[in-house]
Amino acid sequence: MSLSCRPGCAACCTAPSISSAIPGMPQGKPAGVPCVQLDEQLQCKIFGQAERPAVCGQLQASLEMCGPQDDGGLFARSYLMRLETLTRPD
C-alpha cells in the first residue's frame, strides 16, 4: 500500500545510507545522518531535480515502512535502520 510522505518525518532522508553524491555531501551520506538537503520544515530542497540521488526517488512511503500512525517518523526510522543493518556488507 502506497502512502504520501508524512509532514515532519524525514526518516528517508536520515536513516538510510546513500552511496552516491548529494549536493553538499560529495561522498554520499552515512546511515543515521540527516541529509544536508533537508530544509527547516524537513522537506527535500532538491526534490524533483536531477541532482537528487536516484535511490531517493525510488524509496516510496508505504504502510509497512512508515507504520500505521503518524509518530514523527520514529517507526520509519527504526524500520529503515533495521534494513540498513540487515543489508550492510560484511
C-alpha atoms as a PDB file:
ATOM      1  CA  MET A   1       0.000   0.000   0.000  1.00  0.00           C
ATOM      2  CA  SER A   2       1.481   3.331  -1.065  1.00  0.00           C
ATOM      3  CA  LEU A   3       1.272   6.384   1.219  1.00  0.00           C
ATOM      4  CA  SER A   4       2.052  10.043   0.931  1.00  0.00           C
ATOM      5  CA  CYS A   5       5.008  11.240   2.943  1.00  0.00           C
ATOM      6  CA  ARG A   6       4.041  12.435   6.403  1.00  0.00           C
ATOM      7  CA  PRO A   7       4.938  16.013   7.340  1.00  0.00           C
ATOM      8  CA  GLY A   8       7.863  16.315   9.741  1.00  0.00           C
ATOM      9  CA  CYS A   9       9.052  12.715   9.295  1.00  0.00           C
ATOM     10  CA  ALA A  10      12.209  12.860   7.127  1.00  0.00           C
ATOM     11  CA  ALA A  11      13.095   9.257   8.050  1.00  0.00           C
ATOM     12  CA  CYS A  12      14.007   8.529   4.412  1.00  0.00           C
ATOM     13  CA  CYS A  13      16.421  11.476   4.461  1.00  0.00           C
ATOM     14  CA  THR A  14      18.039  10.491   7.754  1.00  0.00           C
ATOM     15  CA  ALA A  15      18.064   6.720   8.387  1.00  0.00           C
ATOM     16  CA  PRO A  16      19.466   5.133   5.206  1.00  0.00           C
ATOM     17  CA  SER A  17      22.989   5.495   3.922  1.00  0.00           C
ATOM     18  CA  ILE A  18      23.347   6.927   0.419  1.00  0.00           C
ATOM     19  CA  SER A  19      26.446   5.938  -1.525  1.00  0.00           C
ATOM     20  CA  SER A  20      26.032   8.386  -4.408  1.00  0.00           C
ATOM     21  CA  ALA A  21      26.985  12.054  -4.272  1.00  0.00           C
ATOM     22  CA  ILE A  22      24.471  14.578  -2.971  1.00  0.00           C
ATOM     23  CA  PRO A  23      24.996  18.339  -3.428  1.00  0.00           C
ATOM     24  CA  GLY A  24      26.840  19.324  -0.259  1.00  0.00           C
ATOM     25  CA  MET A  25      27.729  15.689   0.528  1.00  0.00           C
ATOM     26  CA  PRO A  26      30.025  14.596  -2.321  1.00  0.00           C
ATOM     27  CA  GLN A  27      30.885  11.267  -0.642  1.00  0.00           C
ATOM     28  CA  GLY A  28      27.235  10.414  -0.006  1.00  0.00           C
ATOM     29  CA  LYS A  29      25.581  10.139   3.388  1.00  0.00           C
ATOM     30  CA  PRO A  30      26.128   7.705   6.265  1.00  0.00           C
ATOM     31  CA  ALA A  31      23.167   5.967   7.892  1.00  0.00           C
ATOM     32  CA  GLY A  32      21.562   7.959  10.681  1.00  0.00           C
ATOM     33  CA  VAL A  33      22.878  11.319   9.476  1.00  0.00           C
ATOM     34  CA  PRO A  34      20.362  13.883   8.191  1.00  0.00           C
ATOM     35  CA  CYS A  35      20.890  14.906   4.571  1.00  0.00           C
ATOM     36  CA  VAL A  36      22.185  18.459   4.142  1.00  0.00           C
ATOM     37  CA  GLN A  37      19.404  18.994   1.595  1.00  0.00           C
ATOM     38  CA  LEU A  38      16.692  18.898   4.292  1.00  0.00           C
ATOM     39  CA  ASP A  39      15.234  22.332   4.977  1.00  0.00           C
ATOM     40  CA  GLU A  40      13.814  23.664   8.262  1.00  0.00           C
ATOM     41  CA  GLN A  41      10.440  22.006   7.514  1.00  0.00           C
ATOM     42  CA  LEU A  42      12.212  18.657   6.902  1.00  0.00           C
ATOM     43  CA  GLN A  43      11.488  18.833   3.177  1.00  0.00           C
ATOM     44  CA  CYS A  44      13.983  17.968   0.450  1.00  0.00           C
ATOM     45  CA  LYS A  45      15.415  21.093  -1.193  1.00  0.00           C
ATOM     46  CA  ILE A  46      16.315  19.143  -4.362  1.00  0.00           C
ATOM     47  CA  PHE A  47      13.121  17.082  -4.694  1.00  0.00           C
ATOM     48  CA  GLY A  48      12.329  16.558  -8.377  1.00  0.00           C
ATOM     49  CA  GLN A  49      15.721  17.867  -9.532  1.00  0.00           C
ATOM     50  CA  ALA A  50      18.364  15.949 -11.461  1.00  0.00           C
ATOM     51  CA  GLU A  51      20.875  16.333  -8.595  1.00  0.00           C
ATOM     52  CA  ARG A  52      18.675  14.259  -6.290  1.00  0.00           C
ATOM     53  CA  PRO A  53      20.115  10.730  -5.982  1.00  0.00           C
ATOM     54  CA  ALA A  54      18.098   8.094  -7.849  1.00  0.00           C
ATOM     55  CA  VAL A  55      17.845   5.977  -4.701  1.00  0.00           C
ATOM     56  CA  CYS A  56      15.903   8.792  -3.017  1.00  0.00           C
ATOM     57  CA  GLY A  57      13.270   8.785  -5.747  1.00  0.00           C
ATOM     58  CA  GLN A  58      12.997   5.004  -5.648  1.00  0.00           C
ATOM     59  CA  LEU A  59      12.209   4.821  -1.930  1.00  0.00           C
ATOM     60  CA  GLN A  60       8.443   5.225  -1.626  1.00  0.00           C
ATOM     61  CA  ALA A  61       6.414   5.637   1.556  1.00  0.00           C
ATOM     62  CA  SER A  62       4.400   2.535   2.465  1.00  0.00           C
ATOM     63  CA  LEU A  63       2.388   1.311   5.434  1.00  0.00           C
ATOM     64  CA  GLU A  64       4.984  -1.422   6.026  1.00  0.00           C
ATOM     65  CA  MET A  65       7.813   1.119   6.250  1.00  0.00           C
ATOM     66  CA  CYS A  66       6.046   4.090   7.822  1.00  0.00           C
ATOM     67  CA  GLY A  67       3.746   2.352  10.293  1.00  0.00           C
ATOM     68  CA  PRO A  68       0.061   2.741  10.970  1.00  0.00           C
ATOM     69  CA  GLN A  69       0.068   6.218  12.552  1.00  0.00           C
ATOM     70  CA  ASP A  70       1.956   9.472  12.488  1.00  0.00           C
ATOM     71  CA  ASP A  71       4.597   9.213  15.216  1.00  0.00           C
ATOM     72  CA  GLY A  72       7.024  11.818  13.916  1.00  0.00           C
ATOM     73  CA  GLY A  73       8.874   9.213  11.868  1.00  0.00           C
ATOM     74  CA  LEU A  74      10.020   7.015  14.798  1.00  0.00           C
ATOM     75  CA  PHE A  75       8.620   3.806  13.297  1.00  0.00           C
ATOM     76  CA  ALA A  76      10.011   4.598   9.834  1.00  0.00           C
ATOM     77  CA  ARG A  77      13.487   5.485  11.155  1.00  0.00           C
ATOM     78  CA  SER A  78      13.584   2.264  13.175  1.00  0.00           C
ATOM     79  CA  TYR A  79      12.423   0.214  10.163  1.00  0.00           C
ATOM     80  CA  LEU A  80      14.955   1.809   7.813  1.00  0.00           C
ATOM     81  CA  MET A  81      17.834   1.484  10.300  1.00  0.00           C
ATOM     82  CA  ARG A  82      16.971  -2.205  10.702  1.00  0.00           C
ATOM     83  CA  LEU A  83      17.113  -2.643   6.904  1.00  0.00           C
ATOM     84  CA  GLU A  84      20.405  -0.758   6.876  1.00  0.00           C
ATOM     85  CA  THR A  85      21.842  -3.225   9.409  1.00  0.00           C
ATOM     86  CA  LEU A  86      20.482  -6.295   7.605  1.00  0.00           C
ATOM     87  CA  THR A  87      21.878  -5.224   4.225  1.00  0.00           C
ATOM     88  CA  ARG A  88      25.267  -3.889   5.360  1.00  0.00           C
ATOM     89  CA  PRO A  89      28.150  -5.597   3.534  1.00  0.00           C
ATOM     90  CA  ASP A  90      30.346  -7.750   5.766  1.00  0.00           C
END
